[in-house]
Structure formats: structure tokens, C-alpha cells
Amino acid sequence: MVLQPIMRTGQPMMYRVDLAVRVEDALDELPEEGRREVLEMIAAILVRKESWPAAGGWDVRFAARSWVAFTAYSDGIDVYDLGWAG
């Protein structure tokens, strides 16, 4: 569990990000470009809490060559899968 301070309105907001073991392993295997794209997408998801599904719900978000699947909670997200087509 990692708490990330996010500055959006001048006030820090703390959100929890939990990466499944398979997500951590996949990130380790990605080239730098893929890892950067996926991590930027996770950061973008975090700062747009209003777009998260209801607590306990899940969603998949897409970027240029990657996707991230996550479950939302009131205090953060659990990323349980990802993909990269690079």
C-alpha cells in the first residue's frame, strides 16, 4: 500500500495505490517507454477521482498503447491488471 500526495486544488489529497503482484511483475518487464506510459495513466486516474466507479466497482482505462484495469475504493485504487502493445 502506497499513499501518494496529489496536488490538485492547492491542497494535498492522499490516495492509496495498491499494485497486484502480477502488475508489479509486468511493469518490471516493460521497456522504459511502456512503464512510463502506464505509470502516467495510473497518476492520471488518481487525480480524477470524480471519474472513478462507485466504491467496489471496476473500470479499464486506455492510453495510446496501454490499458490499466482497477478497482476503486473511497481512499484509492487497486490496479489488478495492465497491458502494453509496444
N, C-alpha and C. Protein backbone atom coordinates (compact mmCIF):
# COMPACT_ATOMS: atom_id res chain seq x y z
N MET A 1 0.84 -1.16 0.00
CA MET A 1 0.00 0.00 0.00
C MET A 1 0.90 1.23 0.00
N VAL A 2 0.64 2.14 -0.93
CA VAL A 2 1.43 3.35 -1.05
C VAL A 2 0.49 4.54 -1.03
N LEU A 3 0.75 5.51 -0.17
CA LEU A 3 -0.03 6.74 -0.16
C LEU A 3 0.69 7.77 -1.01
N GLN A 4 -0.03 8.35 -1.94
CA GLN A 4 0.55 9.33 -2.84
C GLN A 4 -0.10 10.69 -2.61
N PRO A 5 0.68 11.73 -2.24
CA PRO A 5 0.07 13.05 -2.14
C PRO A 5 -0.16 13.61 -3.54
N ILE A 6 -1.35 14.02 -3.80
CA ILE A 6 -1.72 14.58 -5.10
C ILE A 6 -2.13 16.03 -4.88
N MET A 7 -1.54 16.95 -5.62
CA MET A 7 -1.91 18.36 -5.52
C MET A 7 -2.83 18.68 -6.70
N ARG A 8 -4.07 19.05 -6.40
CA ARG A 8 -4.99 19.37 -7.48
C ARG A 8 -5.54 20.78 -7.32
N THR A 9 -5.97 21.13 -6.15
CA THR A 9 -6.56 22.45 -5.91
C THR A 9 -5.70 23.24 -4.93
N GLY A 10 -4.44 22.95 -4.89
CA GLY A 10 -3.56 23.60 -3.94
C GLY A 10 -3.52 22.90 -2.59
N GLN A 11 -4.39 21.94 -2.39
CA GLN A 11 -4.44 21.16 -1.16
C GLN A 11 -4.01 19.73 -1.46
N PRO A 12 -3.13 19.17 -0.63
CA PRO A 12 -2.73 17.78 -0.87
C PRO A 12 -3.88 16.82 -0.57
N MET A 13 -4.04 15.84 -1.44
CA MET A 13 -5.03 14.79 -1.24
C MET A 13 -4.26 13.48 -1.20
N MET A 14 -4.56 12.62 -0.25
CA MET A 14 -3.85 11.36 -0.12
C MET A 14 -4.72 10.23 -0.66
N TYR A 15 -4.21 9.53 -1.64
CA TYR A 15 -4.91 8.37 -2.19
C TYR A 15 -3.99 7.16 -2.10
N ARG A 16 -4.59 6.02 -1.88
CA ARG A 16 -3.87 4.76 -1.78
C ARG A 16 -3.83 4.11 -3.16
N VAL A 17 -2.66 3.62 -3.52
CA VAL A 17 -2.50 2.87 -4.77
C VAL A 17 -1.90 1.53 -4.40
N ASP A 18 -2.59 0.47 -4.76
CA ASP A 18 -2.09 -0.88 -4.50
C ASP A 18 -1.94 -1.57 -5.84
N LEU A 19 -0.76 -2.09 -6.11
CA LEU A 19 -0.49 -2.81 -7.35
C LEU A 19 -0.45 -4.30 -7.06
N ALA A 20 -1.22 -5.07 -7.80
CA ALA A 20 -1.17 -6.52 -7.66
C ALA A 20 0.23 -7.00 -8.03
N VAL A 21 0.62 -8.13 -7.49
CA VAL A 21 1.95 -8.68 -7.75
C VAL A 21 2.17 -8.85 -9.25
N ARG A 22 1.16 -9.32 -9.97
CA ARG A 22 1.34 -9.51 -11.42
C ARG A 22 1.51 -8.18 -12.14
N VAL A 23 0.94 -7.11 -11.61
CA VAL A 23 1.14 -5.78 -12.19
C VAL A 23 2.57 -5.32 -11.95
N GLU A 24 3.07 -5.51 -10.73
CA GLU A 24 4.46 -5.15 -10.44
C GLU A 24 5.41 -5.93 -11.34
N ASP A 25 5.14 -7.22 -11.52
CA ASP A 25 5.99 -8.04 -12.39
C ASP A 25 5.93 -7.56 -13.83
N ALA A 26 4.73 -7.24 -14.31
CA ALA A 26 4.57 -6.75 -15.68
C ALA A 26 5.30 -5.43 -15.88
N LEU A 27 5.21 -4.52 -14.90
CA LEU A 27 5.92 -3.24 -15.00
C LEU A 27 7.43 -3.46 -15.10
N ASP A 28 7.94 -4.43 -14.34
CA ASP A 28 9.38 -4.73 -14.39
C ASP A 28 9.81 -5.22 -15.77
N GLU A 29 8.92 -5.87 -16.49
CA GLU A 29 9.26 -6.43 -17.79
C GLU A 29 9.07 -5.46 -18.95
N LEU A 30 8.36 -4.36 -18.72
CA LEU A 30 8.11 -3.39 -19.78
C LEU A 30 9.37 -2.58 -20.08
N PRO A 31 9.51 -2.16 -21.34
CA PRO A 31 10.58 -1.21 -21.63
C PRO A 31 10.24 0.13 -20.97
N GLU A 32 11.22 0.99 -20.85
CA GLU A 32 11.02 2.28 -20.16
C GLU A 32 9.82 3.05 -20.71
N GLU A 33 9.66 3.09 -22.01
CA GLU A 33 8.55 3.83 -22.62
C GLU A 33 7.19 3.28 -22.16
N GLY A 34 7.06 1.97 -22.12
CA GLY A 34 5.81 1.35 -21.68
C GLY A 34 5.55 1.58 -20.20
N ARG A 35 6.59 1.43 -19.39
CA ARG A 35 6.46 1.66 -17.95
C ARG A 35 6.02 3.09 -17.68
N ARG A 36 6.63 4.05 -18.38
CA ARG A 36 6.29 5.46 -18.20
C ARG A 36 4.83 5.72 -18.58
N GLU A 37 4.40 5.17 -19.71
CA GLU A 37 3.01 5.39 -20.15
C GLU A 37 2.02 4.83 -19.14
N VAL A 38 2.27 3.62 -18.64
CA VAL A 38 1.36 3.00 -17.67
C VAL A 38 1.34 3.79 -16.37
N LEU A 39 2.51 4.18 -15.86
CA LEU A 39 2.55 4.94 -14.61
C LEU A 39 1.91 6.31 -14.75
N GLU A 40 2.07 6.95 -15.90
CA GLU A 40 1.40 8.23 -16.14
C GLU A 40 -0.12 8.05 -16.17
N MET A 41 -0.58 6.94 -16.74
CA MET A 41 -2.01 6.69 -16.76
C MET A 41 -2.55 6.46 -15.36
N ILE A 42 -1.83 5.71 -14.54
CA ILE A 42 -2.25 5.49 -13.15
C ILE A 42 -2.33 6.83 -12.42
N ALA A 43 -1.33 7.69 -12.62
CA ALA A 43 -1.35 9.01 -11.99
C ALA A 43 -2.55 9.83 -12.47
N ALA A 44 -2.85 9.75 -13.76
CA ALA A 44 -4.00 10.49 -14.30
C ALA A 44 -5.31 9.99 -13.71
N ILE A 45 -5.41 8.69 -13.51
CA ILE A 45 -6.61 8.13 -12.87
C ILE A 45 -6.75 8.67 -11.46
N LEU A 46 -5.66 8.71 -10.72
CA LEU A 46 -5.70 9.16 -9.33
C LEU A 46 -6.21 10.59 -9.17
N VAL A 47 -5.81 11.48 -10.05
CA VAL A 47 -6.20 12.89 -9.89
C VAL A 47 -7.60 13.18 -10.41
N ARG A 48 -8.26 12.18 -10.97
CA ARG A 48 -9.62 12.35 -11.46
C ARG A 48 -10.59 11.45 -10.69
N LYS A 49 -10.58 11.60 -9.38
CA LYS A 49 -11.41 10.74 -8.53
C LYS A 49 -12.88 10.77 -8.93
N GLU A 50 -13.35 11.91 -9.43
CA GLU A 50 -14.76 12.01 -9.82
C GLU A 50 -15.11 11.08 -10.98
N SER A 51 -14.11 10.58 -11.69
CA SER A 51 -14.37 9.66 -12.79
C SER A 51 -14.26 8.19 -12.38
N TRP A 52 -13.88 7.93 -11.11
CA TRP A 52 -13.79 6.55 -10.64
C TRP A 52 -15.19 5.94 -10.57
N PRO A 53 -15.29 4.64 -10.74
CA PRO A 53 -16.58 3.99 -10.50
C PRO A 53 -16.92 4.04 -9.01
N ALA A 54 -18.13 3.69 -8.66
CA ALA A 54 -18.54 3.65 -7.25
C ALA A 54 -17.60 2.71 -6.48
N ALA A 55 -17.45 2.96 -5.19
CA ALA A 55 -16.58 2.14 -4.35
C ALA A 55 -16.90 0.66 -4.54
N GLY A 56 -15.87 -0.12 -4.81
CA GLY A 56 -16.02 -1.55 -5.06
C GLY A 56 -16.20 -1.87 -6.54
N GLY A 57 -16.44 -0.85 -7.35
CA GLY A 57 -16.60 -1.05 -8.79
C GLY A 57 -15.26 -1.06 -9.50
N TRP A 58 -15.27 -1.47 -10.74
CA TRP A 58 -14.03 -1.56 -11.50
C TRP A 58 -14.18 -0.84 -12.83
N ASP A 59 -13.04 -0.56 -13.45
CA ASP A 59 -13.03 0.11 -14.74
C ASP A 59 -11.72 -0.23 -15.45
N VAL A 60 -11.70 0.00 -16.74
CA VAL A 60 -10.49 -0.16 -17.55
C VAL A 60 -10.28 1.16 -18.27
N ARG A 61 -9.07 1.68 -18.22
CA ARG A 61 -8.72 2.93 -18.91
C ARG A 61 -7.65 2.64 -19.94
N PHE A 62 -7.72 3.35 -21.04
CA PHE A 62 -6.81 3.13 -22.16
C PHE A 62 -5.99 4.37 -22.45
N ALA A 63 -4.74 4.15 -22.84
CA ALA A 63 -3.85 5.21 -23.33
C ALA A 63 -3.46 4.83 -24.76
N ALA A 64 -2.47 5.51 -25.30
CA ALA A 64 -2.08 5.28 -26.69
C ALA A 64 -1.77 3.81 -26.98
N ARG A 65 -0.96 3.18 -26.13
CA ARG A 65 -0.58 1.79 -26.36
C ARG A 65 -0.71 0.93 -25.12
N SER A 66 -1.49 1.37 -24.15
CA SER A 66 -1.60 0.59 -22.92
C SER A 66 -3.00 0.68 -22.33
N TRP A 67 -3.25 -0.19 -21.38
CA TRP A 67 -4.50 -0.16 -20.64
C TRP A 67 -4.24 -0.57 -19.20
N VAL A 68 -5.10 -0.11 -18.31
CA VAL A 68 -4.99 -0.41 -16.88
C VAL A 68 -6.37 -0.77 -16.37
N ALA A 69 -6.48 -1.89 -15.65
CA ALA A 69 -7.74 -2.30 -15.01
C ALA A 69 -7.58 -2.08 -13.51
N PHE A 70 -8.61 -1.44 -12.90
CA PHE A 70 -8.50 -1.12 -11.48
C PHE A 70 -9.86 -1.21 -10.80
N THR A 71 -9.80 -1.40 -9.49
CA THR A 71 -10.97 -1.34 -8.63
C THR A 71 -10.84 -0.08 -7.79
N ALA A 72 -11.94 0.65 -7.64
CA ALA A 72 -11.92 1.90 -6.88
C ALA A 72 -12.47 1.68 -5.48
N TYR A 73 -11.91 2.42 -4.54
CA TYR A 73 -12.37 2.44 -3.15
C TYR A 73 -12.45 3.89 -2.72
N SER A 74 -12.99 4.15 -1.57
CA SER A 74 -13.14 5.54 -1.13
C SER A 74 -11.79 6.24 -0.93
N ASP A 75 -10.75 5.46 -0.64
CA ASP A 75 -9.44 6.06 -0.35
C ASP A 75 -8.38 5.79 -1.40
N GLY A 76 -8.74 5.18 -2.52
CA GLY A 76 -7.73 4.91 -3.54
C GLY A 76 -8.15 3.83 -4.51
N ILE A 77 -7.17 3.28 -5.20
CA ILE A 77 -7.44 2.26 -6.21
C ILE A 77 -6.51 1.07 -6.04
N ASP A 78 -6.98 -0.07 -6.50
CA ASP A 78 -6.17 -1.28 -6.63
C ASP A 78 -6.03 -1.55 -8.13
N VAL A 79 -4.82 -1.55 -8.63
CA VAL A 79 -4.57 -1.87 -10.03
C VAL A 79 -4.31 -3.37 -10.10
N TYR A 80 -5.18 -4.10 -10.79
CA TYR A 80 -5.04 -5.55 -10.80
C TYR A 80 -4.60 -6.13 -12.14
N ASP A 81 -4.55 -5.31 -13.19
CA ASP A 81 -4.07 -5.82 -14.47
C ASP A 81 -3.66 -4.65 -15.36
N LEU A 82 -2.79 -4.93 -16.31
CA LEU A 82 -2.37 -3.92 -17.27
C LEU A 82 -1.91 -4.60 -18.54
N GLY A 83 -1.82 -3.83 -19.58
CA GLY A 83 -1.31 -4.35 -20.84
C GLY A 83 -0.62 -3.23 -21.60
N TRP A 84 0.30 -3.62 -22.47
CA TRP A 84 1.00 -2.65 -23.30
C TRP A 84 1.28 -3.29 -24.64
N ALA A 85 0.97 -2.58 -25.72
CA ALA A 85 1.17 -3.10 -27.07
C ALA A 85 2.23 -2.26 -27.76
N GLY A 86 3.45 -2.43 -27.32
CA GLY A 86 4.50 -1.58 -27.87
C GLY A 86 5.61 -2.34 -28.49
